[in-house]
């Protein structure tokens, strides 16, 4: 696993100015940014990307099913509709090798 890297980055809250102008600031008045303490910068840490990590427990991958429950085999829904999910998507192993999941109907 890659090692965490720490860098000094521009503060997103104040845009690197060290000053934060909120909705209660009028006529040119402003505040010292509480996120960065007025420095305009914040230390952030991240893990450099070295490749996709393994996701434990995954058997099947789908690309377009955010509106429904997902299963790995046949499932009958409350309305009587039956879908054999094994005919759609693709296996996790195939997906890791570059396969495109077959869209659900």
N, C-alpha and C. Protein backbone atom coordinates (compact mmCIF):
# COMPACT_ATOMS: atom_id res chain seq x y z
N UNK A 1 0.84 -1.18 0.00
CA UNK A 1 0.00 0.00 0.00
C UNK A 1 0.88 1.24 0.00
N UNK A 2 0.48 2.22 -0.76
CA UNK A 2 1.26 3.45 -0.89
C UNK A 2 1.24 4.26 0.40
N UNK A 3 2.28 5.01 0.61
CA UNK A 3 2.44 5.83 1.80
C UNK A 3 1.72 7.16 1.63
N UNK A 4 1.12 7.66 2.72
CA UNK A 4 0.44 8.95 2.69
C UNK A 4 1.45 10.07 2.43
N UNK A 5 1.06 11.03 1.61
CA UNK A 5 1.88 12.19 1.29
C UNK A 5 1.19 13.42 1.87
N UNK A 6 1.96 14.29 2.50
CA UNK A 6 1.42 15.54 3.04
C UNK A 6 1.98 16.71 2.23
N UNK A 7 1.09 17.62 1.82
CA UNK A 7 1.51 18.81 1.07
C UNK A 7 0.77 20.03 1.60
N UNK A 8 1.33 21.19 1.36
CA UNK A 8 0.67 22.45 1.69
C UNK A 8 -0.13 22.88 0.46
N UNK A 9 -1.43 23.07 0.64
CA UNK A 9 -2.31 23.41 -0.48
C UNK A 9 -3.04 24.72 -0.19
N UNK A 10 -3.49 25.36 -1.25
CA UNK A 10 -4.28 26.58 -1.10
C UNK A 10 -5.58 26.25 -0.37
N UNK A 11 -5.93 27.06 0.61
CA UNK A 11 -7.17 26.85 1.37
C UNK A 11 -8.36 27.05 0.44
N UNK A 12 -9.23 26.03 0.38
CA UNK A 12 -10.41 26.12 -0.48
C UNK A 12 -11.43 27.10 0.06
N UNK A 13 -11.50 27.24 1.38
CA UNK A 13 -12.53 28.10 1.97
C UNK A 13 -12.31 29.58 1.70
N UNK A 14 -11.06 30.01 1.63
CA UNK A 14 -10.80 31.44 1.41
C UNK A 14 -10.13 31.72 0.08
N UNK A 15 -9.91 30.67 -0.73
CA UNK A 15 -9.26 30.85 -2.02
C UNK A 15 -7.80 31.28 -1.90
N UNK A 16 -7.17 30.96 -0.78
CA UNK A 16 -5.76 31.27 -0.58
C UNK A 16 -5.50 32.69 -0.11
N UNK A 17 -6.55 33.45 0.22
CA UNK A 17 -6.37 34.84 0.65
C UNK A 17 -6.12 34.97 2.15
N UNK A 18 -6.52 33.96 2.92
CA UNK A 18 -6.43 34.05 4.38
C UNK A 18 -7.61 34.79 4.98
N UNK A 19 -8.51 35.28 4.11
CA UNK A 19 -9.67 36.05 4.55
C UNK A 19 -10.96 35.40 4.04
N UNK A 20 -11.96 35.34 4.88
CA UNK A 20 -13.23 34.76 4.50
C UNK A 20 -14.31 35.81 4.63
N UNK A 21 -15.01 36.08 3.54
CA UNK A 21 -16.09 37.06 3.54
C UNK A 21 -17.41 36.32 3.44
N UNK A 22 -18.12 36.28 4.55
CA UNK A 22 -19.40 35.59 4.59
C UNK A 22 -20.56 36.53 4.32
N UNK A 23 -21.78 36.01 4.45
CA UNK A 23 -22.97 36.80 4.13
C UNK A 23 -23.23 37.93 5.14
N UNK A 24 -22.59 37.89 6.30
CA UNK A 24 -22.76 38.96 7.28
C UNK A 24 -21.68 40.02 7.20
N UNK A 25 -20.82 39.92 6.20
CA UNK A 25 -19.76 40.90 6.02
C UNK A 25 -20.22 41.95 5.01
N UNK A 26 -20.19 43.24 5.42
CA UNK A 26 -20.70 44.33 4.58
C UNK A 26 -19.68 45.45 4.49
N UNK A 27 -19.77 46.23 3.42
CA UNK A 27 -18.98 47.45 3.21
C UNK A 27 -17.48 47.20 3.27
N UNK A 28 -17.04 46.03 2.78
CA UNK A 28 -15.61 45.72 2.75
C UNK A 28 -15.08 45.05 4.00
N UNK A 29 -15.95 44.77 4.97
CA UNK A 29 -15.52 44.07 6.19
C UNK A 29 -15.38 42.58 5.89
N UNK A 30 -14.45 41.92 6.56
CA UNK A 30 -14.23 40.49 6.37
C UNK A 30 -13.69 39.87 7.64
N UNK A 31 -13.47 38.56 7.63
CA UNK A 31 -12.94 37.82 8.77
C UNK A 31 -11.65 37.11 8.39
N UNK A 32 -10.83 36.85 9.39
CA UNK A 32 -9.70 35.95 9.18
C UNK A 32 -10.30 34.57 8.99
N UNK A 33 -9.85 33.85 8.00
CA UNK A 33 -10.38 32.52 7.70
C UNK A 33 -10.09 31.57 8.85
N UNK A 34 -11.16 30.97 9.38
CA UNK A 34 -10.97 30.04 10.50
C UNK A 34 -10.43 28.69 10.04
N UNK A 35 -10.57 28.39 8.77
CA UNK A 35 -10.08 27.10 8.26
C UNK A 35 -8.56 27.05 8.19
N UNK A 36 -7.95 28.16 7.81
CA UNK A 36 -6.49 28.17 7.66
C UNK A 36 -5.80 29.11 8.65
N UNK A 37 -6.59 29.77 9.48
CA UNK A 37 -6.00 30.69 10.46
C UNK A 37 -5.39 31.93 9.84
N UNK A 38 -5.77 32.24 8.62
CA UNK A 38 -5.27 33.43 7.95
C UNK A 38 -4.04 33.21 7.10
N UNK A 39 -3.55 31.99 7.04
CA UNK A 39 -2.34 31.73 6.26
C UNK A 39 -2.61 31.61 4.76
N UNK A 40 -3.85 31.25 4.42
CA UNK A 40 -4.18 31.02 3.02
C UNK A 40 -3.86 29.61 2.56
N UNK A 41 -3.29 28.81 3.47
CA UNK A 41 -2.88 27.45 3.11
C UNK A 41 -3.31 26.46 4.19
N UNK A 42 -3.49 25.20 3.76
CA UNK A 42 -3.80 24.12 4.69
C UNK A 42 -2.98 22.92 4.30
N UNK A 43 -2.54 22.17 5.31
CA UNK A 43 -1.85 20.92 5.01
C UNK A 43 -2.89 19.86 4.69
N UNK A 44 -2.71 19.21 3.57
CA UNK A 44 -3.60 18.11 3.22
C UNK A 44 -2.76 16.85 3.06
N UNK A 45 -3.36 15.71 3.29
CA UNK A 45 -2.65 14.46 3.07
C UNK A 45 -3.48 13.59 2.13
N UNK A 46 -2.79 12.82 1.35
CA UNK A 46 -3.45 11.94 0.40
C UNK A 46 -2.56 10.74 0.13
N UNK A 47 -3.17 9.72 -0.41
CA UNK A 47 -2.44 8.53 -0.81
C UNK A 47 -2.34 8.53 -2.33
N UNK A 48 -1.13 8.59 -2.88
CA UNK A 48 -0.99 8.59 -4.34
C UNK A 48 -1.62 7.33 -4.94
N UNK A 49 -2.25 7.48 -6.09
CA UNK A 49 -2.90 6.37 -6.76
C UNK A 49 -1.85 5.51 -7.44
N UNK A 50 -1.83 4.24 -7.09
CA UNK A 50 -0.87 3.31 -7.71
C UNK A 50 -1.59 2.19 -8.45
N UNK A 51 -2.92 2.24 -8.48
CA UNK A 51 -3.73 1.22 -9.12
C UNK A 51 -4.96 0.95 -8.27
N UNK A 52 -5.98 0.41 -8.89
CA UNK A 52 -7.22 0.13 -8.16
C UNK A 52 -6.98 -0.88 -7.06
N UNK A 53 -7.62 -0.65 -5.93
CA UNK A 53 -7.57 -1.58 -4.80
C UNK A 53 -8.64 -2.63 -4.96
N UNK A 54 -8.43 -3.76 -4.31
CA UNK A 54 -9.40 -4.86 -4.30
C UNK A 54 -10.58 -4.48 -3.41
N UNK A 55 -11.81 -4.78 -3.85
CA UNK A 55 -13.01 -4.56 -3.03
C UNK A 55 -13.53 -5.94 -2.63
N UNK A 56 -13.40 -6.24 -1.36
CA UNK A 56 -13.76 -7.56 -0.84
C UNK A 56 -15.26 -7.82 -0.94
N UNK A 57 -15.62 -9.07 -1.21
CA UNK A 57 -17.00 -9.51 -1.21
C UNK A 57 -17.78 -9.27 -2.49
N UNK A 58 -17.18 -8.62 -3.48
CA UNK A 58 -17.89 -8.31 -4.73
C UNK A 58 -17.86 -9.52 -5.66
N UNK A 59 -19.01 -9.87 -6.20
CA UNK A 59 -19.11 -10.99 -7.15
C UNK A 59 -19.50 -10.52 -8.54
N UNK A 60 -20.35 -9.48 -8.62
CA UNK A 60 -20.89 -9.03 -9.90
C UNK A 60 -20.88 -7.50 -9.94
N UNK A 61 -20.61 -6.94 -11.12
CA UNK A 61 -20.53 -5.50 -11.31
C UNK A 61 -21.56 -5.08 -12.34
N UNK A 62 -22.31 -4.02 -12.02
CA UNK A 62 -23.32 -3.46 -12.92
C UNK A 62 -22.98 -2.00 -13.18
N UNK A 63 -23.42 -1.50 -14.33
CA UNK A 63 -23.08 -0.12 -14.69
C UNK A 63 -24.25 0.84 -14.57
N UNK A 64 -25.47 0.36 -14.57
CA UNK A 64 -26.59 1.28 -14.70
C UNK A 64 -27.79 0.89 -13.83
N UNK A 65 -27.57 0.65 -12.57
CA UNK A 65 -28.67 0.14 -11.76
C UNK A 65 -28.93 0.95 -10.50
N UNK A 66 -28.65 2.22 -10.52
CA UNK A 66 -28.77 3.01 -9.30
C UNK A 66 -30.21 3.13 -8.82
N UNK A 67 -31.17 2.81 -9.64
CA UNK A 67 -32.58 2.96 -9.27
C UNK A 67 -33.20 1.68 -8.76
N UNK A 68 -32.45 0.56 -8.73
CA UNK A 68 -33.04 -0.71 -8.28
C UNK A 68 -32.07 -1.47 -7.38
N UNK A 69 -32.65 -2.41 -6.64
CA UNK A 69 -31.82 -3.31 -5.85
C UNK A 69 -31.05 -4.23 -6.79
N UNK A 70 -29.87 -4.62 -6.40
CA UNK A 70 -29.04 -5.49 -7.23
C UNK A 70 -28.84 -6.84 -6.55
N UNK A 71 -28.79 -7.88 -7.35
CA UNK A 71 -28.56 -9.23 -6.87
C UNK A 71 -27.59 -9.90 -7.83
N UNK A 72 -27.12 -11.09 -7.49
CA UNK A 72 -26.18 -11.78 -8.37
C UNK A 72 -26.84 -12.87 -9.21
N UNK A 73 -28.05 -13.27 -8.85
CA UNK A 73 -28.76 -14.32 -9.59
C UNK A 73 -30.20 -13.92 -9.82
N UNK A 74 -31.10 -14.92 -9.92
CA UNK A 74 -32.52 -14.65 -10.15
C UNK A 74 -33.15 -14.03 -8.91
N UNK A 75 -34.02 -13.01 -9.17
CA UNK A 75 -34.73 -12.38 -8.06
C UNK A 75 -36.13 -11.98 -8.54
N UNK A 76 -37.13 -12.26 -7.69
CA UNK A 76 -38.50 -11.86 -7.98
C UNK A 76 -38.83 -10.66 -7.10
N UNK A 77 -39.22 -9.57 -7.74
CA UNK A 77 -39.57 -8.34 -7.02
C UNK A 77 -41.01 -8.41 -6.53
N UNK A 78 -41.38 -7.49 -5.64
CA UNK A 78 -42.72 -7.45 -5.06
C UNK A 78 -43.83 -7.38 -6.10
N UNK A 79 -43.55 -6.76 -7.24
CA UNK A 79 -44.58 -6.63 -8.29
C UNK A 79 -44.65 -7.88 -9.18
N UNK A 80 -43.86 -8.91 -8.87
CA UNK A 80 -43.87 -10.14 -9.64
C UNK A 80 -42.85 -10.20 -10.75
N UNK A 81 -42.18 -9.10 -11.03
CA UNK A 81 -41.16 -9.07 -12.07
C UNK A 81 -39.96 -9.91 -11.63
N UNK A 82 -39.48 -10.76 -12.53
CA UNK A 82 -38.31 -11.57 -12.24
C UNK A 82 -37.17 -11.14 -13.16
N UNK A 83 -36.01 -10.95 -12.58
CA UNK A 83 -34.82 -10.63 -13.36
C UNK A 83 -33.73 -11.61 -12.98
N UNK A 84 -33.09 -12.18 -13.99
CA UNK A 84 -31.93 -13.02 -13.74
C UNK A 84 -30.69 -12.13 -13.88
N UNK A 85 -30.24 -11.62 -12.78
CA UNK A 85 -29.12 -10.68 -12.78
C UNK A 85 -27.82 -11.29 -13.28
N UNK A 86 -27.73 -12.63 -13.26
CA UNK A 86 -26.51 -13.27 -13.73
C UNK A 86 -26.32 -13.10 -15.24
N UNK A 87 -27.38 -12.68 -15.95
CA UNK A 87 -27.29 -12.46 -17.40
C UNK A 87 -26.84 -11.04 -17.74
N UNK A 88 -26.70 -10.20 -16.73
CA UNK A 88 -26.35 -8.79 -16.94
C UNK A 88 -25.13 -8.46 -16.11
N UNK A 89 -24.59 -7.27 -16.34
CA UNK A 89 -23.36 -6.90 -15.65
C UNK A 89 -22.23 -7.80 -16.12
N UNK A 90 -21.30 -8.04 -15.24
CA UNK A 90 -20.21 -8.98 -15.51
C UNK A 90 -19.61 -9.37 -14.17
N UNK A 91 -18.83 -10.42 -14.18
CA UNK A 91 -18.19 -10.84 -12.94
C UNK A 91 -17.15 -9.79 -12.54
N UNK A 92 -16.88 -9.75 -11.26
CA UNK A 92 -15.87 -8.81 -10.75
C UNK A 92 -14.51 -9.12 -11.39
N UNK A 93 -14.18 -10.40 -11.50
CA UNK A 93 -12.90 -10.79 -12.09
C UNK A 93 -12.79 -10.30 -13.54
N UNK A 94 -13.89 -10.46 -14.32
CA UNK A 94 -13.87 -9.98 -15.71
C UNK A 94 -13.78 -8.46 -15.76
N UNK A 95 -14.48 -7.78 -14.86
CA UNK A 95 -14.45 -6.31 -14.83
C UNK A 95 -13.03 -5.82 -14.57
N UNK A 96 -12.33 -6.49 -13.64
CA UNK A 96 -10.96 -6.09 -13.33
C UNK A 96 -10.05 -6.28 -14.54
N UNK A 97 -10.43 -7.18 -15.45
CA UNK A 97 -9.64 -7.42 -16.67
C UNK A 97 -10.06 -6.50 -17.82
N UNK A 98 -11.08 -5.63 -17.57
CA UNK A 98 -11.47 -4.66 -18.59
C UNK A 98 -12.84 -4.89 -19.23
N UNK A 99 -13.57 -5.90 -18.77
CA UNK A 99 -14.90 -6.17 -19.37
C UNK A 99 -15.86 -5.03 -19.05
N UNK A 100 -16.73 -4.74 -20.00
CA UNK A 100 -17.80 -3.76 -19.79
C UNK A 100 -19.04 -4.50 -19.32
N UNK A 101 -19.65 -4.06 -18.20
CA UNK A 101 -20.86 -4.72 -17.71
C UNK A 101 -22.00 -4.60 -18.72
N UNK A 102 -22.71 -5.72 -18.96
CA UNK A 102 -23.86 -5.72 -19.87
C UNK A 102 -25.01 -4.97 -19.17
N UNK A 103 -25.61 -3.95 -19.82
CA UNK A 103 -26.65 -3.15 -19.18
C UNK A 103 -27.89 -3.97 -18.80
N UNK A 104 -28.48 -3.60 -17.69
CA UNK A 104 -29.75 -4.20 -17.27
C UNK A 104 -30.85 -3.71 -18.19
N UNK A 105 -31.93 -4.50 -18.31
CA UNK A 105 -33.03 -4.08 -19.18
C UNK A 105 -33.77 -2.88 -18.59
